[in-house]
Structures are given as structure tokens and as C-alpha cells.
Amino acid sequence: MRLSVVLLIVSLAGVLGGAALIGMAALGGAVIFDSLCVGAWALFHDDGHAQPSVHEVPLTLAQVLERARAS
């Protein structure tokens, strides 16, 4: 998750930097385009469900032994 945010920010900075080299009209268009892209990314990236961060851990010794036998 953090890497995708960093890559998004670096990409936006590159677009703005390149547009600034072209001219003020291109910079304005790039700002509008970047704003739309970030808004779309935020809307489509969040599905409303929390991302799982920890794998299931067996609670009993019997579950651990059963998983070991199965593998």
C-alpha cells in the first residue's frame, strides 16, 4: 500500500514537472488531469473493506498438529 502511494506521488510530480517545462497552459492542464486521476484512484481503490494484515493463527495444539500432518 505504501509503495503504491509513493509511486503515485512521484508520478504526479513527474507529470507536473514535465508540464512546467512546456508552459503555463500545459501546467494548468496537468494539474486538472492529476486532480481527476487522484480522485478516481481514491474512489476505485477503496472498496470499503479492511485489508487483512495478519494471517490466521491456529489456536490449539490439535490444529497445529493437524496442519503439520496435512502438509
Protein backbone atom coordinates (compact mmCIF):
# COMPACT_ATOMS: atom_id res chain seq x y z
CA MET A 1 0.00 0.00 0.00
CA ARG A 2 2.68 2.49 0.95
CA LEU A 3 4.73 1.75 -2.16
CA SER A 4 1.77 2.44 -4.44
CA VAL A 5 1.16 5.79 -2.72
CA VAL A 6 4.83 6.76 -3.08
CA LEU A 7 4.81 5.77 -6.76
CA LEU A 8 1.63 7.77 -7.31
CA ILE A 9 3.16 10.88 -5.73
CA VAL A 10 6.38 10.54 -7.75
CA SER A 11 4.37 10.05 -10.93
CA LEU A 12 2.28 13.16 -10.24
CA ALA A 13 5.42 15.18 -9.56
CA GLY A 14 6.90 13.99 -12.88
CA VAL A 15 3.78 14.97 -14.80
CA LEU A 16 3.74 18.41 -13.20
CA GLY A 17 7.47 18.90 -13.77
CA GLY A 18 7.22 17.93 -17.42
CA ALA A 19 4.22 20.20 -17.95
CA ALA A 20 6.05 23.09 -16.27
CA LEU A 21 8.85 22.71 -18.83
CA ILE A 22 6.32 23.04 -21.66
CA GLY A 23 4.44 26.10 -20.39
CA MET A 24 1.78 27.53 -18.12
CA ALA A 25 -1.16 26.21 -20.15
CA ALA A 26 0.26 22.68 -20.03
CA LEU A 27 0.88 23.03 -16.30
CA GLY A 28 -2.75 24.03 -15.72
CA GLY A 29 -3.97 21.09 -17.78
CA ALA A 30 -1.65 18.74 -15.87
CA VAL A 31 -2.96 19.98 -12.52
CA ILE A 32 -6.55 19.34 -13.62
CA PHE A 33 -5.64 15.92 -15.05
CA ASP A 34 -3.71 14.95 -11.90
CA SER A 35 -6.59 16.02 -9.67
CA LEU A 36 -9.01 13.88 -11.65
CA CYS A 37 -6.65 10.88 -11.61
CA VAL A 38 -6.03 11.07 -7.86
CA GLY A 39 -9.76 11.37 -7.21
CA ALA A 40 -10.50 8.36 -9.43
CA TRP A 41 -7.71 6.36 -7.80
CA ALA A 42 -9.08 7.14 -4.34
CA LEU A 43 -12.63 6.18 -5.33
CA PHE A 44 -11.74 2.93 -7.09
CA HIS A 45 -9.02 1.84 -4.66
CA ASP A 46 -11.23 1.85 -1.55
CA ASP A 47 -13.79 -0.94 -1.55
CA GLY A 48 -14.97 -0.24 2.00
CA HIS A 49 -13.49 -3.40 3.48
CA ALA A 50 -10.46 -3.51 5.73
CA GLN A 51 -7.41 -5.21 4.28
CA PRO A 52 -6.34 -8.30 6.24
CA SER A 53 -2.98 -7.68 7.86
CA VAL A 54 -2.39 -10.88 9.84
CA HIS A 55 -2.70 -14.47 8.69
CA GLU A 56 -4.88 -16.90 10.60
CA VAL A 57 -3.05 -18.42 13.54
CA PRO A 58 -4.20 -21.81 14.85
CA LEU A 59 -5.45 -21.57 18.41
CA THR A 60 -4.96 -25.11 19.66
CA LEU A 61 -2.19 -27.68 19.61
CA ALA A 62 -4.50 -30.09 17.79
CA GLN A 63 -4.92 -27.61 14.93
CA VAL A 64 -1.17 -27.14 14.69
CA LEU A 65 -0.57 -30.90 14.59
CA GLU A 66 -3.34 -31.42 12.03
CA ARG A 67 -1.86 -28.76 9.76
CA ALA A 68 1.58 -30.37 10.10
CA ARG A 69 0.20 -33.81 9.20
CA ALA A 70 -1.63 -32.39 6.19
CA SER A 71 1.48 -30.78 4.73
